[in-house]
Amino acid sequence: MKVLIAGGAGYIGSTVASACLDAGITPVILDNLVRGRREFTEGRTFYEGDIADGALVDRIFSEHPDISAVVHCAALIVVPESVADPIGYYEANVAKSLAFVGHLHRNDCDRIIFSSSASIYRAEDGSPVNEDSPLAPQSPYARTKAVCEEMFADIAVAGPRVLSLRYFNPVGADPELRTGLQLKRPSHALGVLIQAHQEGRPFPITGTNYPTRDGSGIRDYVHVWDLAAAHIAAIERFDSILTGSKRSIAINLGTGSGTTVRELCAAFNNVVSTPLATIDADPRPGDVAGGYTKSDRAAELLGWTPKLSLEDGIRSALDWIPVRDGLLKD
C-alpha cells in the first residue's frame, strides 16, 4: 500500500511517514519545504513542490497509481504569524487546500485524512471537550482549520471522503529519533520549559487563578508517536469508518486527560537530573484556562488509545535535541 503525505517533511508528517514505513506502508512525500526539512525525506520517495500545483499532483499519481489514500498535513501553523499575515495563512491553508482536493478528485483519490486542530474549540474554562463541543477558533490559523473542515465536509458529499483528525498538543519525537521537531526554539510550553532548563532560569507559570485543580492552565499533551499510530489506524480503517452515506467525520486525538502547567513541570522534573525551578506570573494577554479532550470516538472508531506517557514525550524531546542539531544543516 502507498500513501501520499502532503507536508511529509514537517514534524507531524515526517513522523507519520516513519510510522507508515514501520507498518509496511510506503509513504510518498510531497512538500514545498517552506517549513519542512529535506533531511526528513532522505531515503523516502519525495517530490518537492506545492499542493496547489496540479501538474505535479497529476505526475505523482501517474508515477504512483497505487496510492490509496492521502494524509494532508501541509499547512502554516504559527498563531502569532497568522495574526500578522492572515492573507498568507488563508492562501496557504484554505485556498491551496481547495486546489489540492480538486487535483485529488481529478485523480480519483477518494480517501483524505486531514490534519486538523483542537484550537478550533472554545476551550476556555479547563473543561473537557468532545467532537460535538462548540467551536470558537481564536486566531486566523485556527479559523483556517475550521474553514477547511467545513469545506471538506461540503466537498465530501460529491467528492473525496474526508476524515479530520483534530490534534491536541503534540510533544516528543519518533522513538527511533529519525525525525522530530525541527525548530531550535519552539514556542510551545514544553519547548519554552526546555529552554529555561538549559539556560538555568526559572520557568514562569503564567496564570495561577484559572478554574483548574491547581490554578494553572490545562492542556492535553499527546506523544507525536501516538498521533502517528492514530494515522495508521485511520488509513487501515478508513473504509469501515466512512461507508455508505457517511462521507466525512472528525475525531479528536488526545490523551483523554488534561495536564496542568504545574503538572507538566513536575513531569519534567521526573525526567531531568537537575530540577527546574518555577515562578508564578500573571497571565499573558489572550491566555485562557484551556481544556482537554474526551477520546471515546477515537477508541471506538480507530481502536486507538495513547500508549506513551507525558514523561515519554518529554524524554524523547530531550533525546532529540542533540540528534536534531547534528542532522539539520541550519
Protein backbone atom coordinates (compact mmCIF):
# COMPACT_ATOMS: atom_id res chain seq x y z
CA MET A 1 0.00 0.00 0.00
CA LYS A 2 1.13 3.55 -0.78
CA VAL A 3 0.01 6.74 0.93
CA LEU A 4 0.69 10.29 -0.25
CA ILE A 5 1.70 12.53 2.67
CA ALA A 6 1.37 16.23 1.87
CA GLY A 7 3.60 18.14 4.24
CA GLY A 8 5.52 14.94 4.85
CA ALA A 9 8.79 16.78 5.54
CA GLY A 10 7.38 18.54 8.60
CA TYR A 11 7.18 17.49 12.24
CA ILE A 12 3.89 15.56 12.14
CA GLY A 13 4.07 14.45 8.51
CA SER A 14 7.57 13.03 8.75
CA THR A 15 6.64 11.13 11.92
CA VAL A 16 3.57 9.70 10.18
CA ALA A 17 5.85 8.68 7.30
CA SER A 18 8.11 6.82 9.75
CA ALA A 19 5.10 5.05 11.25
CA CYS A 20 3.95 4.10 7.74
CA LEU A 21 7.32 2.53 6.97
CA ASP A 22 7.20 0.56 10.21
CA ALA A 23 3.68 -0.65 9.33
CA GLY A 24 4.67 -1.80 5.83
CA ILE A 25 3.03 1.19 4.11
CA THR A 26 5.10 3.09 1.54
CA PRO A 27 4.93 6.87 2.07
CA VAL A 28 5.19 9.22 -0.91
CA ILE A 29 6.17 12.68 0.31
CA LEU A 30 5.01 15.99 -1.18
CA ASP A 31 6.39 19.11 0.48
CA ASN A 32 7.39 22.59 -0.68
CA LEU A 33 10.00 22.82 2.13
CA VAL A 34 8.73 26.21 3.29
CA ARG A 35 8.71 24.75 6.81
CA GLY A 36 9.57 21.12 6.17
CA ARG A 37 13.12 19.76 6.13
CA ARG A 38 14.76 17.97 3.23
CA GLU A 39 16.72 15.92 5.76
CA PHE A 40 13.44 14.30 6.86
CA THR A 41 12.85 12.96 3.35
CA GLU A 42 16.14 11.11 2.91
CA GLY A 43 15.59 7.51 1.84
CA ARG A 44 11.94 8.23 1.09
CA THR A 45 10.14 8.90 -2.18
CA PHE A 46 9.99 12.69 -2.28
CA TYR A 47 8.52 15.32 -4.57
CA GLU A 48 9.44 18.93 -3.85
CA GLY A 49 6.58 21.22 -4.72
CA ASP A 50 3.28 22.75 -3.77
CA ILE A 51 -0.03 21.03 -3.10
CA ALA A 52 -1.70 23.56 -5.41
CA ASP A 53 0.49 22.50 -8.34
CA GLY A 54 -1.95 20.41 -10.35
CA ALA A 55 0.61 19.22 -12.87
CA LEU A 56 2.84 17.93 -10.08
CA VAL A 57 -0.03 16.15 -8.31
CA ASP A 58 -1.02 14.57 -11.63
CA ARG A 59 2.57 13.37 -12.13
CA ILE A 60 2.69 11.85 -8.66
CA PHE A 61 -0.46 9.83 -9.32
CA SER A 62 0.76 8.89 -12.79
CA GLU A 63 4.02 7.57 -11.34
CA HIS A 64 2.31 6.01 -8.31
CA PRO A 65 -1.14 4.85 -9.44
CA ASP A 66 -1.33 2.55 -6.40
CA ILE A 67 -1.63 5.46 -3.94
CA SER A 68 -4.71 4.53 -1.95
CA ALA A 69 -5.05 7.47 0.46
CA VAL A 70 -3.72 10.95 1.22
CA VAL A 71 -2.65 12.37 4.57
CA HIS A 72 -2.91 16.16 4.29
CA CYS A 73 -0.51 17.74 6.82
CA ALA A 74 0.56 20.68 4.64
CA ALA A 75 -0.16 23.96 6.44
CA LEU A 76 1.29 27.01 8.13
CA ILE A 77 0.72 26.67 11.87
CA VAL A 78 2.22 29.59 13.85
CA VAL A 79 -0.56 31.50 15.63
CA PRO A 80 1.18 34.93 16.03
CA GLU A 81 2.33 34.74 12.43
CA SER A 82 -1.24 34.10 11.32
CA VAL A 83 -2.36 37.25 13.14
CA ALA A 84 0.31 39.27 11.36
CA ASP A 85 -0.34 37.67 7.95
CA PRO A 86 -3.93 36.40 7.74
CA ILE A 87 -3.98 36.69 3.94
CA GLY A 88 -0.94 34.45 3.67
CA TYR A 89 -2.48 31.92 6.03
CA TYR A 90 -5.81 31.75 4.21
CA GLU A 91 -3.94 31.40 0.92
CA ALA A 92 -1.66 28.61 2.16
CA ASN A 93 -4.12 26.71 4.33
CA VAL A 94 -7.50 27.23 2.67
CA ALA A 95 -7.06 28.27 -0.97
CA LYS A 96 -4.29 25.75 -1.63
CA SER A 97 -6.20 23.01 0.20
CA LEU A 98 -9.18 23.67 -2.06
CA ALA A 99 -6.96 23.40 -5.13
CA PHE A 100 -5.34 20.25 -3.72
CA VAL A 101 -8.60 18.43 -3.11
CA GLY A 102 -9.63 19.29 -6.67
CA HIS A 103 -6.45 17.71 -8.00
CA LEU A 104 -7.04 14.63 -5.84
CA HIS A 105 -10.63 14.31 -7.07
CA ARG A 106 -9.44 14.55 -10.66
CA ASN A 107 -7.08 11.66 -9.96
CA ASP A 108 -9.87 9.54 -8.44
CA CYS A 109 -8.46 9.73 -4.93
CA ASP A 110 -11.36 9.10 -2.56
CA ARG A 111 -9.64 8.94 0.84
CA ILE A 112 -8.28 12.04 2.60
CA ILE A 113 -7.05 12.19 6.19
CA PHE A 114 -6.86 15.85 7.17
CA SER A 115 -4.63 17.28 9.91
CA SER A 116 -6.98 19.49 11.87
CA SER A 117 -6.52 21.11 15.27
CA ALA A 118 -8.09 21.28 18.71
CA SER A 119 -7.56 25.04 18.52
CA ILE A 120 -10.95 25.25 16.78
CA TYR A 121 -12.74 24.53 20.09
CA ARG A 122 -13.96 27.03 22.65
CA ALA A 123 -11.59 25.60 25.29
CA GLU A 124 -11.51 28.42 27.80
CA ASP A 125 -12.60 27.08 31.18
CA GLY A 126 -10.48 23.97 31.71
CA SER A 127 -13.30 21.59 30.82
CA PRO A 128 -13.08 18.53 28.55
CA VAL A 129 -14.43 18.75 25.01
CA ASN A 130 -15.67 16.18 22.52
CA GLU A 131 -16.28 16.37 18.80
CA ASP A 132 -19.70 17.94 19.32
CA SER A 133 -18.49 20.72 21.62
CA PRO A 134 -18.92 24.34 20.47
CA LEU A 135 -16.31 25.71 18.10
CA ALA A 136 -14.81 29.14 18.59
CA PRO A 137 -11.39 29.40 16.88
CA GLN A 138 -9.47 32.35 18.32
CA SER A 139 -6.84 33.02 15.64
CA PRO A 140 -6.63 33.18 11.85
CA TYR A 141 -4.65 29.91 11.96
CA ALA A 142 -7.37 28.14 13.92
CA ARG A 143 -10.08 29.58 11.69
CA THR A 144 -8.32 28.23 8.59
CA LYS A 145 -8.59 24.74 10.11
CA ALA A 146 -12.28 25.21 10.90
CA VAL A 147 -12.97 26.57 7.41
CA CYS A 148 -11.13 23.65 5.81
CA GLU A 149 -13.15 21.14 7.83
CA GLU A 150 -16.40 22.73 6.71
CA MET A 151 -15.18 22.99 3.13
CA PHE A 152 -14.10 19.35 3.06
CA ALA A 153 -17.42 18.22 4.56
CA ASP A 154 -19.27 20.00 1.75
CA ILE A 155 -16.95 18.56 -0.89
CA ALA A 156 -17.23 15.05 0.56
CA VAL A 157 -20.91 14.90 -0.35
CA ALA A 158 -19.95 14.62 -4.01
CA GLY A 159 -16.17 14.21 -3.87
CA PRO A 160 -13.45 12.55 -1.81
CA ARG A 161 -14.34 11.30 1.66
CA VAL A 162 -12.54 13.13 4.48
CA LEU A 163 -11.55 12.03 7.96
CA SER A 164 -10.43 15.05 10.00
CA LEU A 165 -8.10 14.31 12.91
CA ARG A 166 -8.16 17.10 15.48
CA TYR A 167 -4.77 17.12 17.18
CA PHE A 168 -4.40 18.37 20.71
CA ASN A 169 -0.86 19.25 21.88
CA PRO A 170 1.83 17.06 20.24
CA VAL A 171 5.07 16.52 22.14
CA GLY A 172 8.12 14.32 21.74
CA ALA A 173 9.81 12.71 18.77
CA ASP A 174 9.92 9.46 16.84
CA PRO A 175 11.22 6.95 19.45
CA GLU A 176 13.94 5.91 16.98
CA LEU A 177 14.87 9.62 16.58
CA ARG A 178 14.53 9.55 12.80
CA THR A 179 12.56 12.81 12.91
CA GLY A 180 11.30 15.31 15.45
CA LEU A 181 10.51 18.96 15.96
CA GLN A 182 12.72 20.91 13.55
CA LEU A 183 12.65 24.24 15.43
CA LYS A 184 15.57 25.03 17.71
CA ARG A 185 13.50 27.40 19.86
CA PRO A 186 9.89 26.15 19.75
CA SER A 187 7.29 28.41 21.32
CA HIS A 188 5.03 25.76 22.86
CA ALA A 189 5.08 25.14 26.62
CA LEU A 190 7.45 22.18 26.63
CA GLY A 191 9.86 23.97 24.28
CA VAL A 192 9.95 27.06 26.48
CA LEU A 193 10.33 24.85 29.55
CA ILE A 194 13.33 23.06 27.99
CA GLN A 195 14.92 26.41 27.10
CA ALA A 196 14.51 27.64 30.68
CA HIS A 197 16.14 24.46 31.98
CA GLN A 198 19.05 24.74 29.53
CA GLU A 199 19.61 28.37 30.48
CA GLY A 200 19.33 27.73 34.22
CA ARG A 201 16.48 30.15 34.82
CA PRO A 202 13.08 29.63 36.45
CA PHE A 203 10.11 28.76 34.26
CA PRO A 204 7.25 31.26 34.59
CA ILE A 205 3.83 29.75 35.21
CA THR A 206 1.72 32.40 33.51
CA GLY A 207 -1.65 32.40 35.21
CA THR A 208 -2.34 30.78 38.57
CA ASN A 209 -6.01 31.53 39.23
CA TYR A 210 -7.73 29.55 36.50
CA PRO A 211 -10.66 27.22 37.36
CA THR A 212 -8.43 24.13 37.29
CA ARG A 213 -7.34 21.75 40.04
CA ASP A 214 -4.18 23.75 40.84
CA GLY A 215 -4.96 27.14 39.30
CA SER A 216 -2.59 26.85 36.33
CA GLY A 217 -3.68 26.39 32.72
CA ILE A 218 -4.53 22.95 31.40
CA ARG A 219 -3.75 21.28 28.07
CA ASP A 220 -3.82 17.79 26.58
CA TYR A 221 -0.28 16.68 25.68
CA VAL A 222 -0.19 13.68 23.34
CA HIS A 223 3.00 11.96 22.20
CA VAL A 224 3.63 12.55 18.49
CA TRP A 225 4.29 8.82 18.04
CA ASP A 226 0.81 8.08 19.39
CA LEU A 227 -0.55 10.61 16.88
CA ALA A 228 1.30 8.77 14.13
CA ALA A 229 -0.21 5.47 15.29
CA ALA A 230 -3.66 7.05 15.04
CA HIS A 231 -2.95 7.90 11.40
CA ILE A 232 -2.04 4.29 10.67
CA ALA A 233 -5.33 3.19 12.24
CA ALA A 234 -7.18 5.83 10.18
CA ILE A 235 -5.58 4.55 6.97
CA GLU A 236 -6.37 0.93 7.78
CA ARG A 237 -9.94 1.55 8.99
CA PHE A 238 -10.89 4.36 6.61
CA ASP A 239 -13.44 2.40 4.60
CA SER A 240 -15.13 0.97 7.67
CA ILE A 241 -15.43 4.42 9.28
CA LEU A 242 -16.65 6.29 6.21
CA THR A 243 -19.09 4.00 4.48
CA GLY A 244 -22.44 4.40 2.80
CA SER A 245 -23.86 7.90 3.22
CA LYS A 246 -21.28 8.83 5.84
CA ARG A 247 -18.71 10.83 3.87
CA SER A 248 -16.87 12.88 6.49
CA ILE A 249 -16.21 12.83 10.22
CA ALA A 250 -13.93 14.46 12.80
CA ILE A 251 -12.04 12.58 15.51
CA ASN A 252 -10.21 14.12 18.48
CA LEU A 253 -6.71 12.86 19.18
CA GLY A 254 -5.58 13.44 22.73
CA THR A 255 -4.87 11.56 25.92
CA GLY A 256 -8.36 11.96 27.32
CA SER A 257 -6.99 13.67 30.42
CA GLY A 258 -5.59 17.12 30.94
CA THR A 259 -2.23 18.17 32.30
CA THR A 260 -1.87 21.47 34.12
CA VAL A 261 1.23 23.62 33.74
CA ARG A 262 2.30 22.72 37.27
CA GLU A 263 1.87 19.03 36.44
CA LEU A 264 3.87 19.48 33.24
CA CYS A 265 6.71 20.98 35.27
CA ALA A 266 6.53 18.12 37.78
CA ALA A 267 6.66 15.57 34.95
CA PHE A 268 9.68 17.38 33.51
CA ASN A 269 11.45 17.21 36.86
CA ASN A 270 10.75 13.47 36.98
CA VAL A 271 12.82 13.12 33.80
CA VAL A 272 15.75 15.51 34.27
CA SER A 273 18.54 15.14 36.83
CA THR A 274 18.61 18.82 37.80
CA PRO A 275 15.17 20.05 38.91
CA LEU A 276 13.66 23.07 37.20
CA ALA A 277 12.56 25.96 39.38
CA THR A 278 9.28 27.75 38.64
CA ILE A 279 7.87 31.16 39.46
CA ASP A 280 4.26 32.30 39.39
CA ALA A 281 3.47 35.06 36.91
CA ASP A 282 0.50 36.96 35.56
CA PRO A 283 -1.36 35.51 32.57
CA ARG A 284 -0.33 36.77 29.16
CA PRO A 285 -2.82 38.71 27.01
CA GLY A 286 -5.20 36.27 25.38
CA ASP A 287 -4.34 33.33 27.64
CA VAL A 288 -7.22 31.10 28.72
CA ALA A 289 -7.54 28.17 31.11
CA GLY A 290 -7.53 25.74 28.18
CA GLY A 291 -9.07 22.29 28.02
CA TYR A 292 -8.60 18.69 27.04
CA THR A 293 -10.42 16.06 25.04
CA LYS A 294 -12.61 13.09 25.63
CA SER A 295 -11.26 10.30 23.39
CA ASP A 296 -14.28 8.00 23.18
CA ARG A 297 -14.69 8.39 19.42
CA ALA A 298 -11.03 7.63 18.69
CA ALA A 299 -11.25 4.47 20.80
CA GLU A 300 -14.50 3.39 19.15
CA LEU A 301 -13.73 4.14 15.51
CA LEU A 302 -9.94 3.84 15.35
CA GLY A 303 -9.41 1.33 18.12
CA TRP A 304 -6.82 3.84 19.30
CA THR A 305 -5.74 4.89 22.76
CA PRO A 306 -2.43 6.57 23.58
CA LYS A 307 0.31 4.21 24.78
CA LEU A 308 3.07 6.65 25.70
CA SER A 309 3.20 8.85 28.79
CA LEU A 310 3.91 12.54 29.15
CA GLU A 311 7.29 11.61 30.63
CA ASP A 312 7.98 9.54 27.49
CA GLY A 313 7.25 12.61 25.39
CA ILE A 314 9.49 14.85 27.49
CA ARG A 315 12.30 12.28 27.43
CA SER A 316 12.17 11.82 23.66
CA ALA A 317 12.04 15.61 23.13
CA LEU A 318 15.23 15.94 25.18
CA ASP A 319 16.88 12.99 23.41
CA TRP A 320 16.01 14.52 20.04
CA ILE A 321 17.82 17.83 20.66
CA PRO A 322 21.42 16.63 20.03
CA VAL A 323 20.24 14.49 17.10
CA ARG A 324 18.45 17.48 15.59
CA ASP A 325 21.48 19.71 16.00
CA GLY A 326 23.64 17.15 14.20
CA LEU A 327 21.10 16.32 11.48
CA LEU A 328 19.74 19.69 10.45
CA LYS A 329 22.09 21.89 8.50
CA ASP A 330 20.86 25.20 9.92
